[in-house]
Amino acid sequence: MRRYLILPLLLVSLFAHAAASLRVGNKVLTVGDSAARVLQLMGEPSIRAFKQFQVGGLPPNQVANGEEWQYLQNGKTIIVTVVGGRVVNFETVHD
């Protein structure tokens, strides 16, 4: 049974990668940077999705309102998660 669960997890890990920083040209965005800095370096996102997130420091039964900003770049999608005006996560999904 475990064998059938491991394969899908491996496939997901091949196509999505979360990181604490993101290189944009010769600049670097990091977790904790402002949403304004993301807009300055990356421009307006292709898609903005409003969501609720469980973020560090909050009890398990509380969530924070935030946004996922999606940027389409060279066969991949970069997802920047913004909560409270600050970046909390970067994720790259390879198409």
PDB file of N, CA and C in Angstrom:
ATOM      1  N   MET A   1       0.819  -1.193   0.000  1.00  0.00           N
ATOM      2  CA  MET A   1       0.000   0.000   0.000  1.00  0.00           C
ATOM      3  C   MET A   1       0.866   1.262   0.000  1.00  0.00           C
ATOM      4  N   ARG A   2       1.916   1.266   0.804  1.00  0.00           N
ATOM      5  CA  ARG A   2       2.801   2.440   0.855  1.00  0.00           C
ATOM      6  C   ARG A   2       3.423   2.734  -0.490  1.00  0.00           C
ATOM      7  N   ARG A   3       3.733   1.695  -1.222  1.00  0.00           N
ATOM      8  CA  ARG A   3       4.370   1.855  -2.525  1.00  0.00           C
ATOM      9  C   ARG A   3       3.509   2.727  -3.435  1.00  0.00           C
ATOM     10  N   TYR A   4       2.186   2.587  -3.330  1.00  0.00           N
ATOM     11  CA  TYR A   4       1.281   3.358  -4.172  1.00  0.00           C
ATOM     12  C   TYR A   4       1.178   4.809  -3.728  1.00  0.00           C
ATOM     13  N   LEU A   5       1.504   5.094  -2.500  1.00  0.00           N
ATOM     14  CA  LEU A   5       1.485   6.465  -2.005  1.00  0.00           C
ATOM     15  C   LEU A   5       2.779   7.204  -2.303  1.00  0.00           C
ATOM     16  N   ILE A   6       3.870   6.502  -2.344  1.00  0.00           N
ATOM     17  CA  ILE A   6       5.174   7.137  -2.543  1.00  0.00           C
ATOM     18  C   ILE A   6       5.327   7.699  -3.948  1.00  0.00           C
ATOM     19  N   LEU A   7       4.883   6.975  -4.967  1.00  0.00           N
ATOM     20  CA  LEU A   7       5.053   7.426  -6.345  1.00  0.00           C
ATOM     21  C   LEU A   7       4.394   8.782  -6.598  1.00  0.00           C
ATOM     22  N   PRO A   8       3.129   8.997  -6.225  1.00  0.00           N
ATOM     23  CA  PRO A   8       2.552  10.339  -6.439  1.00  0.00           C
ATOM     24  C   PRO A   8       3.300  11.440  -5.698  1.00  0.00           C
ATOM     25  N   LEU A   9       3.780  11.151  -4.494  1.00  0.00           N
ATOM     26  CA  LEU A   9       4.536  12.160  -3.750  1.00  0.00           C
ATOM     27  C   LEU A   9       5.836  12.508  -4.447  1.00  0.00           C
ATOM     28  N   LEU A  10       6.505  11.524  -4.995  1.00  0.00           N
ATOM     29  CA  LEU A  10       7.735  11.786  -5.742  1.00  0.00           C
ATOM     30  C   LEU A  10       7.466  12.619  -6.985  1.00  0.00           C
ATOM     31  N   LEU A  11       6.380  12.323  -7.672  1.00  0.00           N
ATOM     32  CA  LEU A  11       6.041  13.095  -8.873  1.00  0.00           C
ATOM     33  C   LEU A  11       5.741  14.544  -8.530  1.00  0.00           C
ATOM     34  N   VAL A  12       5.008  14.774  -7.458  1.00  0.00           N
ATOM     35  CA  VAL A  12       4.712  16.149  -7.047  1.00  0.00           C
ATOM     36  C   VAL A  12       5.997  16.876  -6.702  1.00  0.00           C
ATOM     37  N   SER A  13       6.919  16.221  -6.019  1.00  0.00           N
ATOM     38  CA  SER A  13       8.156  16.886  -5.629  1.00  0.00           C
ATOM     39  C   SER A  13       9.019  17.233  -6.834  1.00  0.00           C
ATOM     40  N   LEU A  14       8.864  16.526  -7.926  1.00  0.00           N
ATOM     41  CA  LEU A  14       9.628  16.830  -9.130  1.00  0.00           C
ATOM     42  C   LEU A  14       9.111  18.085  -9.826  1.00  0.00           C
ATOM     43  N   PHE A  15       7.824  18.368  -9.666  1.00  0.00           N
ATOM     44  CA  PHE A  15       7.216  19.457 -10.405  1.00  0.00           C
ATOM     45  C   PHE A  15       7.000  20.733  -9.596  1.00  0.00           C
ATOM     46  N   ALA A  16       7.165  20.700  -8.308  1.00  0.00           N
ATOM     47  CA  ALA A  16       6.990  21.889  -7.470  1.00  0.00           C
ATOM     48  C   ALA A  16       8.151  21.990  -6.499  1.00  0.00           C
ATOM     49  N   HIS A  17       8.619  23.206  -6.325  1.00  0.00           N
ATOM     50  CA  HIS A  17       9.756  23.410  -5.444  1.00  0.00           C
ATOM     51  C   HIS A  17       9.552  24.725  -4.685  1.00  0.00           C
ATOM     52  N   ALA A  18       9.546  24.646  -3.363  1.00  0.00           N
ATOM     53  CA  ALA A  18       9.426  25.846  -2.531  1.00  0.00           C
ATOM     54  C   ALA A  18      10.821  26.304  -2.133  1.00  0.00           C
ATOM     55  N   ALA A  19      10.981  27.605  -2.009  1.00  0.00           N
ATOM     56  CA  ALA A  19      12.296  28.144  -1.675  1.00  0.00           C
ATOM     57  C   ALA A  19      12.148  29.358  -0.768  1.00  0.00           C
ATOM     58  N   ALA A  20      13.224  29.728  -0.096  1.00  0.00           N
ATOM     59  CA  ALA A  20      13.239  30.889   0.786  1.00  0.00           C
ATOM     60  C   ALA A  20      13.685  32.147   0.052  1.00  0.00           C
ATOM     61  N   SER A  21      14.174  31.989  -1.174  1.00  0.00           N
ATOM     62  CA  SER A  21      14.583  33.155  -1.961  1.00  0.00           C
ATOM     63  C   SER A  21      14.335  32.890  -3.438  1.00  0.00           C
ATOM     64  N   LEU A  22      14.337  33.962  -4.211  1.00  0.00           N
ATOM     65  CA  LEU A  22      14.074  33.870  -5.647  1.00  0.00           C
ATOM     66  C   LEU A  22      14.946  34.896  -6.355  1.00  0.00           C
ATOM     67  N   ARG A  23      15.712  34.432  -7.322  1.00  0.00           N
ATOM     68  CA  ARG A  23      16.544  35.342  -8.111  1.00  0.00           C
ATOM     69  C   ARG A  23      15.700  35.951  -9.217  1.00  0.00           C
ATOM     70  N   VAL A  24      15.767  37.287  -9.334  1.00  0.00           N
ATOM     71  CA  VAL A  24      15.061  38.027 -10.373  1.00  0.00           C
ATOM     72  C   VAL A  24      16.107  38.902 -11.065  1.00  0.00           C
ATOM     73  N   GLY A  25      16.595  38.426 -12.215  1.00  0.00           N
ATOM     74  CA  GLY A  25      17.694  39.126 -12.875  1.00  0.00           C
ATOM     75  C   GLY A  25      18.918  39.085 -11.986  1.00  0.00           C
ATOM     76  N   ASN A  26      19.465  40.255 -11.659  1.00  0.00           N
ATOM     77  CA  ASN A  26      20.630  40.300 -10.768  1.00  0.00           C
ATOM     78  C   ASN A  26      20.239  40.677  -9.332  1.00  0.00           C
ATOM     79  N   LYS A  27      18.947  40.639  -9.026  1.00  0.00           N
ATOM     80  CA  LYS A  27      18.434  40.934  -7.685  1.00  0.00           C
ATOM     81  C   LYS A  27      17.911  39.639  -7.057  1.00  0.00           C
ATOM     82  N   VAL A  28      17.706  39.658  -5.746  1.00  0.00           N
ATOM     83  CA  VAL A  28      17.185  38.491  -5.036  1.00  0.00           C
ATOM     84  C   VAL A  28      16.040  38.926  -4.133  1.00  0.00           C
ATOM     85  N   LEU A  29      14.909  38.215  -4.246  1.00  0.00           N
ATOM     86  CA  LEU A  29      13.799  38.390  -3.329  1.00  0.00           C
ATOM     87  C   LEU A  29      13.904  37.315  -2.259  1.00  0.00           C
ATOM     88  N   THR A  30      13.589  37.659  -1.019  1.00  0.00           N
ATOM     89  CA  THR A  30      13.639  36.677   0.056  1.00  0.00           C
ATOM     90  C   THR A  30      12.332  36.713   0.847  1.00  0.00           C
ATOM     91  N   VAL A  31      12.067  35.617   1.555  1.00  0.00           N
ATOM     92  CA  VAL A  31      10.920  35.578   2.450  1.00  0.00           C
ATOM     93  C   VAL A  31      11.078  36.721   3.435  1.00  0.00           C
ATOM     94  N   GLY A  32      10.007  37.473   3.630  1.00  0.00           N
ATOM     95  CA  GLY A  32      10.043  38.640   4.506  1.00  0.00           C
ATOM     96  C   GLY A  32      10.076  39.948   3.748  1.00  0.00           C
ATOM     97  N   ASP A  33      10.444  39.904   2.462  1.00  0.00           N
ATOM     98  CA  ASP A  33      10.419  41.125   1.652  1.00  0.00           C
ATOM     99  C   ASP A  33       8.982  41.620   1.507  1.00  0.00           C
ATOM    100  N   SER A  34       8.844  42.902   1.201  1.00  0.00           N
ATOM    101  CA  SER A  34       7.514  43.500   1.063  1.00  0.00           C
ATOM    102  C   SER A  34       6.893  43.148  -0.279  1.00  0.00           C
ATOM    103  N   ALA A  35       5.575  43.216  -0.315  1.00  0.00           N
ATOM    104  CA  ALA A  35       4.843  43.012  -1.566  1.00  0.00           C
ATOM    105  C   ALA A  35       5.245  44.080  -2.581  1.00  0.00           C
ATOM    106  N   ALA A  36       5.526  45.292  -2.102  1.00  0.00           N
ATOM    107  CA  ALA A  36       5.946  46.376  -2.993  1.00  0.00           C
ATOM    108  C   ALA A  36       7.254  46.032  -3.705  1.00  0.00           C
ATOM    109  N   ARG A  37       8.167  45.379  -2.990  1.00  0.00           N
ATOM    110  CA  ARG A  37       9.438  44.981  -3.616  1.00  0.00           C
ATOM    111  C   ARG A  37       9.205  43.922  -4.695  1.00  0.00           C
ATOM    112  N   VAL A  38       8.301  42.992  -4.439  1.00  0.00           N
ATOM    113  CA  VAL A  38       7.970  41.985  -5.458  1.00  0.00           C
ATOM    114  C   VAL A  38       7.434  42.679  -6.704  1.00  0.00           C
ATOM    115  N   LEU A  39       6.515  43.608  -6.531  1.00  0.00           N
ATOM    116  CA  LEU A  39       5.958  44.340  -7.671  1.00  0.00           C
ATOM    117  C   LEU A  39       7.037  45.134  -8.399  1.00  0.00           C
ATOM    118  N   GLN A  40       7.954  45.712  -7.650  1.00  0.00           N
ATOM    119  CA  GLN A  40       9.039  46.494  -8.240  1.00  0.00           C
ATOM    120  C   GLN A  40       9.917  45.617  -9.127  1.00  0.00           C
ATOM    121  N   LEU A  41      10.247  44.405  -8.656  1.00  0.00           N
ATOM    122  CA  LEU A  41      11.167  43.544  -9.398  1.00  0.00           C
ATOM    123  C   LEU A  41      10.482  42.664 -10.443  1.00  0.00           C
ATOM    124  N   MET A  42       9.239  42.239 -10.173  1.00  0.00           N
ATOM    125  CA  MET A  42       8.586  41.273 -11.055  1.00  0.00           C
ATOM    126  C   MET A  42       7.400  41.833 -11.826  1.00  0.00           C
ATOM    127  N   GLY A  43       6.918  43.007 -11.430  1.00  0.00           N
ATOM    128  CA  GLY A  43       5.759  43.579 -12.097  1.00  0.00           C
ATOM    129  C   GLY A  43       4.465  42.967 -11.577  1.00  0.00           C
ATOM    130  N   GLU A  44       3.372  43.285 -12.267  1.00  0.00           N
ATOM    131  CA  GLU A  44       2.063  42.767 -11.881  1.00  0.00           C
ATOM    132  C   GLU A  44       1.978  41.273 -12.197  1.00  0.00           C
ATOM    133  N   PRO A  45       1.405  40.483 -11.307  1.00  0.00           N
ATOM    134  CA  PRO A  45       1.278  39.045 -11.565  1.00  0.00           C
ATOM    135  C   PRO A  45       0.230  38.767 -12.639  1.00  0.00           C
ATOM    136  N   SER A  46       0.362  37.609 -13.278  1.00  0.00           N
ATOM    137  CA  SER A  46      -0.637  37.168 -14.261  1.00  0.00           C
ATOM    138  C   SER A  46      -1.953  36.847 -13.569  1.00  0.00           C
ATOM    139  N   ILE A  47      -1.860  36.260 -12.385  1.00  0.00           N
ATOM    140  CA  ILE A  47      -3.048  35.854 -11.617  1.00  0.00           C
ATOM    141  C   ILE A  47      -2.840  36.215 -10.157  1.00  0.00           C
ATOM    142  N   ARG A  48      -3.882  36.741  -9.528  1.00  0.00           N
ATOM    143  CA  ARG A  48      -3.899  36.982  -8.078  1.00  0.00           C
ATOM    144  C   ARG A  48      -5.063  36.192  -7.496  1.00  0.00           C
ATOM    145  N   ALA A  49      -4.765  35.343  -6.540  1.00  0.00           N
ATOM    146  CA  ALA A  49      -5.808  34.564  -5.881  1.00  0.00           C
ATOM    147  C   ALA A  49      -5.812  34.906  -4.395  1.00  0.00           C
ATOM    148  N   PHE A  50      -6.970  35.266  -3.879  1.00  0.00           N
ATOM    149  CA  PHE A  50      -7.109  35.585  -2.463  1.00  0.00           C
ATOM    150  C   PHE A  50      -7.418  34.301  -1.708  1.00  0.00           C
ATOM    151  N   LYS A  51      -6.646  34.029  -0.663  1.00  0.00           N
ATOM    152  CA  LYS A  51      -6.790  32.787   0.087  1.00  0.00           C
ATOM    153  C   LYS A  51      -6.546  33.040   1.566  1.00  0.00           C
ATOM    154  N   GLN A  52      -6.782  32.004   2.353  1.00  0.00           N
ATOM    155  CA  GLN A  52      -6.454  32.040   3.772  1.00  0.00           C
ATOM    156  C   GLN A  52      -5.345  31.031   4.022  1.00  0.00           C
ATOM    157  N   PHE A  53      -4.372  31.409   4.840  1.00  0.00           N
ATOM    158  CA  PHE A  53      -3.189  30.585   5.065  1.00  0.00           C
ATOM    159  C   PHE A  53      -2.949  30.367   6.552  1.00  0.00           C
ATOM    160  N   GLN A  54      -2.440  29.199   6.867  1.00  0.00           N
ATOM    161  CA  GLN A  54      -1.950  28.925   8.218  1.00  0.00           C
ATOM    162  C   GLN A  54      -0.483  29.338   8.206  1.00  0.00           C
ATOM    163  N   VAL A  55      -0.134  30.355   8.959  1.00  0.00           N
ATOM    164  CA  VAL A  55       1.244  30.843   8.976  1.00  0.00           C
ATOM    165  C   VAL A  55       1.824  30.678  10.371  1.00  0.00           C
ATOM    166  N   GLY A  56       3.138  30.624  10.437  1.00  0.00           N
ATOM    167  CA  GLY A  56       3.832  30.457  11.713  1.00  0.00           C
ATOM    168  C   GLY A  56       3.429  31.506  12.730  1.00  0.00           C
ATOM    169  N   GLY A  57       3.319  31.085  13.961  1.00  0.00           N
ATOM    170  CA  GLY A  57       2.978  32.001  15.029  1.00  0.00           C
ATOM    171  C   GLY A  57       1.496  32.031  15.363  1.00  0.00           C
ATOM    172  N   LEU A  58       0.659  31.528  14.456  1.00  0.00           N
ATOM    173  CA  LEU A  58      -0.771  31.484  14.733  1.00  0.00           C
ATOM    174  C   LEU A  58      -1.152  30.100  15.253  1.00  0.00           C
ATOM    175  N   PRO A  59      -2.116  30.043  16.152  1.00  0.00           N
ATOM    176  CA  PRO A  59      -2.598  28.729  16.600  1.00  0.00           C
ATOM    177  C   PRO A  59      -3.182  27.952  15.418  1.00  0.00           C
ATOM    178  N   PRO A  60      -3.211  26.627  15.505  1.00  0.00           N
ATOM    179  CA  PRO A  60      -3.697  25.797  14.390  1.00  0.00           C
ATOM    180  C   PRO A  60      -5.113  26.117  13.924  1.00  0.00           C
ATOM    181  N   ASN A  61      -5.946  26.699  14.792  1.00  0.00           N
ATOM    182  CA  ASN A  61      -7.323  26.983  14.397  1.00  0.00           C
ATOM    183  C   ASN A  61      -7.504  28.403  13.846  1.00  0.00           C
ATOM    184  N   GLN A  62      -6.415  29.131  13.621  1.00  0.00           N
ATOM    185  CA  GLN A  62      -6.504  30.489  13.091  1.00  0.00           C
ATOM    186  C   GLN A  62      -5.742  30.596  11.776  1.00  0.00           C
ATOM    187  N   VAL A  63      -6.293  31.381  10.867  1.00  0.00           N
ATOM    188  CA  VAL A  63      -5.658  31.589   9.569  1.00  0.00           C
ATOM    189  C   VAL A  63      -5.505  33.081   9.312  1.00  0.00           C
ATOM    190  N   ALA A  64      -4.648  33.411   8.364  1.00  0.00           N
ATOM    191  CA  ALA A  64      -4.432  34.801   7.969  1.00  0.00           C
ATOM    192  C   ALA A  64      -4.860  34.966   6.517  1.00  0.00           C
ATOM    193  N   ASN A  65      -5.434  36.108   6.190  1.00  0.00           N
ATOM    194  CA  ASN A  65      -5.797  36.396   4.806  1.00  0.00           C
ATOM    195  C   ASN A  65      -4.546  36.763   4.032  1.00  0.00           C
ATOM    196  N   GLY A  66      -4.472  36.300   2.807  1.00  0.00           N
ATOM    197  CA  GLY A  66      -3.321  36.606   1.982  1.00  0.00           C
ATOM    198  C   GLY A  66      -3.634  36.406   0.515  1.00  0.00           C
ATOM    199  N   GLU A  67      -2.585  36.436  -0.295  1.00  0.00           N
ATOM    200  CA  GLU A  67      -2.734  36.288  -1.736  1.00  0.00           C
ATOM    201  C   GLU A  67      -1.657  35.376  -2.285  1.00  0.00           C
ATOM    202  N   GLU A  68      -1.983  34.674  -3.346  1.00  0.00           N
ATOM    203  CA  GLU A  68      -0.992  33.961  -4.150  1.00  0.00           C
ATOM    204  C   GLU A  68      -0.874  34.692  -5.469  1.00  0.00           C
ATOM    205  N   TRP A  69       0.323  35.144  -5.780  1.00  0.00           N
ATOM    206  CA  TRP A  69       0.582  35.838  -7.034  1.00  0.00           C
ATOM    207  C   TRP A  69       1.296  34.865  -7.954  1.00  0.00           C
ATOM    208  N   GLN A  70       0.766  34.681  -9.163  1.00  0.00           N
ATOM    209  CA  GLN A  70       1.361  33.745 -10.113  1.00  0.00           C
ATOM    210  C   GLN A  70       1.982  34.504 -11.282  1.00  0.00           C
ATOM    211  N   TYR A  71       3.220  34.134 -11.570  1.00  0.00           N
ATOM    212  CA  TYR A  71       3.967  34.702 -12.690  1.00  0.00           C
ATOM    213  C   TYR A  71       4.338  33.573 -13.635  1.00  0.00           C
ATOM    214  N   LEU A  72       4.019  33.702 -14.915  1.00  0.00           N
ATOM    215  CA  LEU A  72       4.355  32.697 -15.912  1.00  0.00           C
ATOM    216  C   LEU A  72       5.675  33.093 -16.563  1.00  0.00           C
ATOM    217  N   GLN A  73       6.682  32.203 -16.459  1.00  0.00           N
ATOM    218  CA  GLN A  73       8.016  32.511 -16.987  1.00  0.00           C
ATOM    219  C   GLN A  73       8.659  31.271 -17.593  1.00  0.00           C
ATOM    220  N   ASN A  74       8.909  31.297 -18.883  1.00  0.00           N
ATOM    221  CA  ASN A  74       9.703  30.270 -19.566  1.00  0.00           C
ATOM    222  C   ASN A  74       9.331  28.840 -19.190  1.00  0.00           C
ATOM    223  N   GLY A  75       8.079  28.466 -19.349  1.00  0.00           N
ATOM    224  CA  GLY A  75       7.661  27.100 -19.089  1.00  0.00           C
ATOM    225  C   GLY A  75       7.510  26.743 -17.619  1.00  0.00           C
ATOM    226  N   LYS A  76       7.464  27.731 -16.760  1.00  0.00           N
ATOM    227  CA  LYS A  76       7.257  27.455 -15.339  1.00  0.00           C
ATOM    228  C   LYS A  76       6.366  28.547 -14.761  1.00  0.00           C
ATOM    229  N   THR A  77       5.751  28.230 -13.632  1.00  0.00           N
ATOM    230  CA  THR A  77       4.921  29.185 -12.918  1.00  0.00           C
ATOM    231  C   THR A  77       5.569  29.458 -11.572  1.00  0.00           C
ATOM    232  N   ILE A  78       5.801  30.728 -11.289  1.00  0.00           N
ATOM    233  CA  ILE A  78       6.359  31.125  -9.998  1.00  0.00           C
ATOM    234  C   ILE A  78       5.199  31.650  -9.165  1.00  0.00           C
ATOM    235  N   ILE A  79       5.004  31.051  -7.992  1.00  0.00           N
ATOM    236  CA  ILE A  79       3.920  31.449  -7.101  1.00  0.00           C
ATOM    237  C   ILE A  79       4.542  32.135  -5.878  1.00  0.00           C
ATOM    238  N   VAL A  80       4.152  33.379  -5.679  1.00  0.00           N
ATOM    239  CA  VAL A  80       4.630  34.154  -4.534  1.00  0.00           C
ATOM    240  C   VAL A  80       3.448  34.301  -3.580  1.00  0.00           C
ATOM    241  N   THR A  81       3.615  33.835  -2.355  1.00  0.00           N
ATOM    242  CA  THR A  81       2.557  33.940  -1.351  1.00  0.00           C
ATOM    243  C   THR A  81       2.826  35.160  -0.479  1.00  0.00           C
ATOM    244  N   VAL A  82       1.823  36.045  -0.398  1.00  0.00           N
ATOM    245  CA  VAL A  82       1.940  37.291   0.348  1.00  0.00           C
ATOM    246  C   VAL A  82       0.872  37.305   1.441  1.00  0.00           C
ATOM    247  N   VAL A  83       1.309  37.486   2.679  1.00  0.00           N
ATOM    248  CA  VAL A  83       0.395  37.594   3.816  1.00  0.00           C
ATOM    249  C   VAL A  83       0.803  38.832   4.620  1.00  0.00           C
ATOM    250  N   GLY A  84      -0.159  39.694   4.882  1.00  0.00           N
ATOM    251  CA  GLY A  84       0.134  40.902   5.657  1.00  0.00           C
ATOM    252  C   GLY A  84       1.128  41.818   4.970  1.00  0.00           C
ATOM    253  N   GLY A  85       1.125  41.829   3.642  1.00  0.00           N
ATOM    254  CA  GLY A  85       2.025  42.707   2.898  1.00  0.00           C
ATOM    255  C   GLY A  85       3.455  42.215   2.790  1.00  0.00           C
ATOM    256  N   ARG A  86       3.725  40.991   3.261  1.00  0.00           N
ATOM    257  CA  ARG A  86       5.076  40.421   3.234  1.00  0.00           C
ATOM    258  C   ARG A  86       5.069  39.051   2.565  1.00  0.00           C
ATOM    259  N   VAL A  87       6.164  38.730   1.903  1.00  0.00           N
ATOM    260  CA  VAL A  87       6.319  37.419   1.266  1.00  0.00           C
ATOM    261  C   VAL A  87       6.541  36.367   2.341  1.00  0.00           C
ATOM    262  N   VAL A  88       5.752  35.282   2.271  1.00  0.00           N
ATOM    263  CA  VAL A  88       5.931  34.188   3.219  1.00  0.00           C
ATOM    264  C   VAL A  88       6.408  32.910   2.531  1.00  0.00           C
ATOM    265  N   ASN A  89       6.338  32.857   1.182  1.00  0.00           N
ATOM    266  CA  ASN A  89       6.757  31.647   0.478  1.00  0.00           C
ATOM    267  C   ASN A  89       6.918  31.925  -1.009  1.00  0.00           C
ATOM    268  N   PHE A  90       7.853  31.227  -1.607  1.00  0.00           N
ATOM    269  CA  PHE A  90       8.019  31.171  -3.059  1.00  0.00           C
ATOM    270  C   PHE A  90       7.883  29.713  -3.469  1.00  0.00           C
ATOM    271  N   GLU A  91       7.236  29.477  -4.594  1.00  0.00           N
ATOM    272  CA  GLU A  91       7.143  28.117  -5.112  1.00  0.00           C
ATOM    273  C   GLU A  91       7.272  28.170  -6.633  1.00  0.00           C
ATOM    274  N   THR A  92       8.032  27.253  -7.180  1.00  0.00           N
ATOM    275  CA  THR A  92       8.183  27.153  -8.625  1.00  0.00           C
ATOM    276  C   THR A  92       7.557  25.849  -9.083  1.00  0.00           C
ATOM    277  N   VAL A  93       6.638  25.944 -10.029  1.00  0.00           N
ATOM    278  CA  VAL A  93       5.982  24.773 -10.596  1.00  0.00           C
ATOM    279  C   VAL A  93       6.400  24.693 -12.054  1.00  0.00           C
ATOM    280  N   HIS A  94       7.039  23.609 -12.426  1.00  0.00           N
ATOM    281  CA  HIS A  94       7.488  23.404 -13.804  1.00  0.00           C
ATOM    282  C   HIS A  94       6.361  22.798 -14.609  1.00  0.00           C
ATOM    283  N   ASP A  95       6.029  23.446 -15.729  1.00  0.00           N
ATOM    284  CA  ASP A  95       4.920  22.973 -16.580  1.00  0.00           C
ATOM    285  C   ASP A  95       5.318  21.746 -17.364  1.00  0.00           C
TER     286      ASP A  95
END
